[in-house]
Amino acid sequence: MYRIGLTGGVGSGKSTVSSYMHELGIPVIDGDKLAREAVIPGSLAMNRLREVFGPHIFLPDGSLDRLKVGEIVFNDEEKRQKLNGIIHPYIWYRTREELIRAQENGFPVVVLDMPLLLEISWQLRVEEVWLVEVPLEVQIARVISRDGFTREQVMERIRKQMPTTNKMNYADVIIDNSRSVEDTRRQVREALKHVPGFQFPKGMEEV
């Protein structure tokens, strides 16, 4: 089974690409979704988070206070590494389960949609890396519009990620998502023509 690692910076529009690949019949393993699963109340990861960070990171209903955790780890690299060390093993465990399920169901290609694919060296676990990118100003404008952040808040988050120019060194495919949705879809279709084992659903080669 051929594994494509899909990644991109905040505001790059990676979900536009992953949604279209799903529409084309390719299973998509959503890293963000698995990360949310990891911190459901009562999970092993949640118990470990309580031990490491204390009870103040939880809301009254027992769920994780994501804003509080973000404040703690955003400017503390050591604590961010501790958080990742708790969450990422679960994500890989669940990813392996989904990979096995896709293989058992006969899918020739699967997408690993992971925002931090390169930061955690998961490029070693896929056959290809696809990078979704947009110009910096487009990236900033999208995040401000979507999340209500200030420009400086967006820039802080961008600076915490691997620079796009560095990510390009790992990318086998680069999708420019700065123009129309149809243009992005065209690039996806073109790239998929070269993926071993993939066949377009009937009538969708040029949709």
Foldseek 3Di string as FASTA:
>chain_A
DAEEEEAEAAQLPSVLLVVVVVVQVAAEQELVVQLQVCFDAPHPLVVVCCVPPNDPQADPVRGGNVVVLCVVCLPPPVVVVVNCVSRVVSSVVVVVVVVVVCVVVPHPYHYYYDHCCVVVVVLVVGPFYEYRGEDPVSSQVSCCVPPVDDSVVSVSRQVVHDPPVVVVVRHPHYFHPHDDSLSSSLSSLVVVVPDPPDDGDPPPSND
